[in-house]
C-alpha cells in the first residue's frame, strides 16, 4: 500500500486541502503533498515574509490542478 506522500506524488500537482486549512488550504495541501506538518509550512510562510500575492498565486495554481 502506498503512503499518503507516495500516493500524492503519483497524482501530479498538489491540491488545496479540504480538511487541513485555515484560509484557502495552500499550506495544508502542500503539507499533504510533501508529507510535512502543515503548521511547519505555515510558520515558514509567516517567518520567511511570504506576502499574500505568492500565496494567492499558489492557491490559483493548486485549485486548477484537476485530474
N, C-alpha and C. Protein backbone atom coordinates (compact mmCIF):
# COMPACT_ATOMS: atom_id res chain seq x y z
N UNK A 1 0.85 -1.18 0.00
CA UNK A 1 0.00 0.00 0.00
C UNK A 1 0.89 1.24 0.00
N UNK A 2 0.49 2.25 -0.76
CA UNK A 2 1.25 3.48 -0.85
C UNK A 2 0.98 4.37 0.35
N UNK A 3 2.01 5.09 0.77
CA UNK A 3 1.80 6.08 1.82
C UNK A 3 1.12 7.30 1.21
N UNK A 4 0.64 8.19 2.06
CA UNK A 4 -0.03 9.40 1.58
C UNK A 4 0.90 10.21 0.70
N UNK A 5 2.16 10.32 1.08
CA UNK A 5 3.13 11.08 0.31
C UNK A 5 3.33 10.46 -1.07
N UNK A 6 3.53 9.13 -1.12
CA UNK A 6 3.74 8.46 -2.40
C UNK A 6 2.50 8.54 -3.27
N UNK A 7 1.33 8.41 -2.66
CA UNK A 7 0.08 8.48 -3.40
C UNK A 7 -0.10 9.86 -4.02
N UNK A 8 0.19 10.92 -3.27
CA UNK A 8 0.06 12.29 -3.78
C UNK A 8 1.09 12.58 -4.86
N UNK A 9 2.30 12.05 -4.73
CA UNK A 9 3.33 12.28 -5.74
C UNK A 9 2.93 11.64 -7.07
N UNK A 10 2.22 10.53 -7.04
CA UNK A 10 1.77 9.89 -8.26
C UNK A 10 0.65 10.66 -8.93
N UNK A 11 -0.09 11.44 -8.19
CA UNK A 11 -1.21 12.20 -8.73
C UNK A 11 -0.75 13.43 -9.51
N UNK A 12 0.44 13.88 -9.31
CA UNK A 12 0.92 15.07 -10.02
C UNK A 12 1.03 16.26 -9.09
N UNK A 13 0.36 17.34 -9.44
CA UNK A 13 0.47 18.59 -8.69
C UNK A 13 -0.28 18.52 -7.37
N UNK A 14 0.19 19.30 -6.38
CA UNK A 14 -0.55 19.35 -5.11
C UNK A 14 -1.90 20.04 -5.28
N UNK A 15 -2.82 19.72 -4.40
CA UNK A 15 -4.16 20.31 -4.42
C UNK A 15 -4.40 21.05 -3.12
N UNK A 16 -5.36 21.94 -3.14
CA UNK A 16 -5.77 22.61 -1.92
C UNK A 16 -6.37 21.58 -0.98
N UNK A 17 -6.09 21.73 0.30
CA UNK A 17 -6.62 20.79 1.29
C UNK A 17 -8.04 21.19 1.68
N UNK A 18 -8.92 20.21 1.73
CA UNK A 18 -10.28 20.46 2.19
C UNK A 18 -10.39 20.27 3.70
N UNK A 19 -9.52 19.43 4.27
CA UNK A 19 -9.60 19.09 5.69
C UNK A 19 -8.65 19.89 6.57
N UNK A 20 -7.50 20.24 6.05
CA UNK A 20 -6.45 20.87 6.83
C UNK A 20 -6.19 22.28 6.30
N UNK A 21 -7.15 23.17 6.53
CA UNK A 21 -6.95 24.53 6.02
C UNK A 21 -7.36 25.56 7.05
N UNK A 22 -6.68 26.70 6.99
CA UNK A 22 -7.03 27.84 7.83
C UNK A 22 -7.65 28.93 6.97
N UNK A 23 -7.03 29.18 5.81
CA UNK A 23 -7.52 30.24 4.93
C UNK A 23 -8.02 29.64 3.62
N UNK A 24 -7.13 29.28 2.74
CA UNK A 24 -7.53 28.68 1.47
C UNK A 24 -7.11 27.22 1.34
N UNK A 25 -6.23 26.76 2.21
CA UNK A 25 -5.80 25.37 2.16
C UNK A 25 -4.48 25.15 1.44
N UNK A 26 -3.74 26.23 1.15
CA UNK A 26 -2.47 26.10 0.44
C UNK A 26 -1.45 25.34 1.28
N UNK A 27 -1.23 25.77 2.50
CA UNK A 27 -0.23 25.10 3.35
C UNK A 27 -0.66 23.67 3.68
N UNK A 28 -1.94 23.47 3.91
CA UNK A 28 -2.44 22.12 4.17
C UNK A 28 -2.25 21.21 2.98
N UNK A 29 -2.52 21.72 1.79
CA UNK A 29 -2.33 20.94 0.57
C UNK A 29 -0.87 20.63 0.31
N UNK A 30 0.00 21.62 0.52
CA UNK A 30 1.44 21.37 0.35
C UNK A 30 1.94 20.38 1.40
N UNK A 31 1.43 20.50 2.62
CA UNK A 31 1.82 19.56 3.68
C UNK A 31 1.41 18.14 3.36
N UNK A 32 0.19 17.96 2.85
CA UNK A 32 -0.28 16.63 2.48
C UNK A 32 0.54 16.09 1.30
N UNK A 33 0.87 16.93 0.36
CA UNK A 33 1.62 16.51 -0.82
C UNK A 33 3.04 16.06 -0.47
N UNK A 34 3.72 16.85 0.38
CA UNK A 34 5.10 16.54 0.73
C UNK A 34 5.23 15.71 1.99
N UNK A 35 4.13 15.42 2.67
CA UNK A 35 4.18 14.62 3.88
C UNK A 35 4.80 15.36 5.06
N UNK A 36 4.53 16.66 5.12
CA UNK A 36 5.07 17.52 6.17
C UNK A 36 3.90 18.11 6.95
N UNK A 37 4.12 18.39 8.21
CA UNK A 37 3.10 19.04 9.03
C UNK A 37 2.80 20.42 8.45
N UNK A 38 1.54 20.71 8.20
CA UNK A 38 1.15 21.98 7.60
C UNK A 38 1.48 23.17 8.49
N UNK A 39 1.52 22.97 9.81
CA UNK A 39 1.86 24.07 10.71
C UNK A 39 3.30 24.53 10.51
N UNK A 40 4.17 23.62 10.16
CA UNK A 40 5.56 23.99 9.86
C UNK A 40 5.59 24.89 8.62
N UNK A 41 4.84 24.50 7.61
CA UNK A 41 4.78 25.32 6.39
C UNK A 41 4.15 26.68 6.66
N UNK A 42 3.13 26.70 7.50
CA UNK A 42 2.50 27.98 7.85
C UNK A 42 3.51 28.90 8.55
N UNK A 43 4.29 28.33 9.46
CA UNK A 43 5.31 29.12 10.16
C UNK A 43 6.36 29.63 9.17
N UNK A 44 6.75 28.79 8.21
CA UNK A 44 7.73 29.23 7.21
C UNK A 44 7.16 30.37 6.36
N UNK A 45 5.89 30.28 5.99
CA UNK A 45 5.27 31.36 5.22
C UNK A 45 5.31 32.67 6.00
N UNK A 46 5.02 32.61 7.30
CA UNK A 46 4.98 33.83 8.12
C UNK A 46 6.39 34.37 8.36
N UNK A 47 7.31 33.51 8.81
CA UNK A 47 8.65 33.97 9.18
C UNK A 47 9.52 34.29 7.97
N UNK A 48 9.24 33.68 6.83
CA UNK A 48 10.01 33.99 5.62
C UNK A 48 9.50 35.26 4.95
N UNK A 49 8.40 35.79 5.45
CA UNK A 49 7.88 37.04 4.90
C UNK A 49 7.17 36.86 3.57
N UNK A 50 6.63 35.67 3.33
CA UNK A 50 5.90 35.46 2.08
C UNK A 50 4.64 36.32 2.11
N UNK A 51 4.47 37.09 1.09
CA UNK A 51 3.33 38.01 1.02
C UNK A 51 2.09 37.31 0.49
N UNK A 52 0.99 38.02 0.46
CA UNK A 52 -0.29 37.45 0.06
C UNK A 52 -0.33 37.11 -1.43
N UNK A 53 0.39 37.86 -2.27
CA UNK A 53 0.34 37.62 -3.71
C UNK A 53 0.89 36.23 -4.07
N UNK A 54 2.09 35.84 -3.60
CA UNK A 54 2.54 34.47 -3.92
C UNK A 54 1.61 33.40 -3.35
N UNK A 55 1.03 33.66 -2.18
CA UNK A 55 0.09 32.71 -1.58
C UNK A 55 -1.14 32.55 -2.47
N UNK A 56 -1.68 33.65 -2.97
CA UNK A 56 -2.85 33.59 -3.84
C UNK A 56 -2.52 32.92 -5.18
N UNK A 57 -1.33 33.17 -5.70
CA UNK A 57 -0.92 32.51 -6.94
C UNK A 57 -0.87 30.99 -6.73
N UNK A 58 -0.30 30.56 -5.60
CA UNK A 58 -0.29 29.13 -5.29
C UNK A 58 -1.71 28.59 -5.16
N UNK A 59 -2.60 29.33 -4.55
CA UNK A 59 -3.98 28.89 -4.40
C UNK A 59 -4.66 28.72 -5.75
N UNK A 60 -4.40 29.64 -6.67
CA UNK A 60 -4.99 29.54 -8.01
C UNK A 60 -4.42 28.35 -8.76
N UNK A 61 -3.10 28.19 -8.70
CA UNK A 61 -2.46 27.07 -9.42
C UNK A 61 -2.88 25.73 -8.84
N UNK A 62 -2.99 25.66 -7.53
CA UNK A 62 -3.33 24.39 -6.88
C UNK A 62 -4.78 24.03 -7.11
N UNK A 63 -5.67 24.99 -7.14
CA UNK A 63 -7.09 24.68 -7.33
C UNK A 63 -7.36 24.26 -8.77
N UNK A 64 -6.51 24.67 -9.69
CA UNK A 64 -6.71 24.32 -11.10
C UNK A 64 -6.11 22.96 -11.45
N UNK A 65 -5.48 22.31 -10.51
CA UNK A 65 -4.83 21.02 -10.80
C UNK A 65 -5.85 19.89 -10.69
N UNK A 66 -6.61 19.70 -11.75
CA UNK A 66 -7.63 18.65 -11.81
C UNK A 66 -7.05 17.42 -12.48
N UNK A 67 -7.56 16.25 -12.13
CA UNK A 67 -7.14 15.00 -12.80
C UNK A 67 -7.82 14.86 -14.14
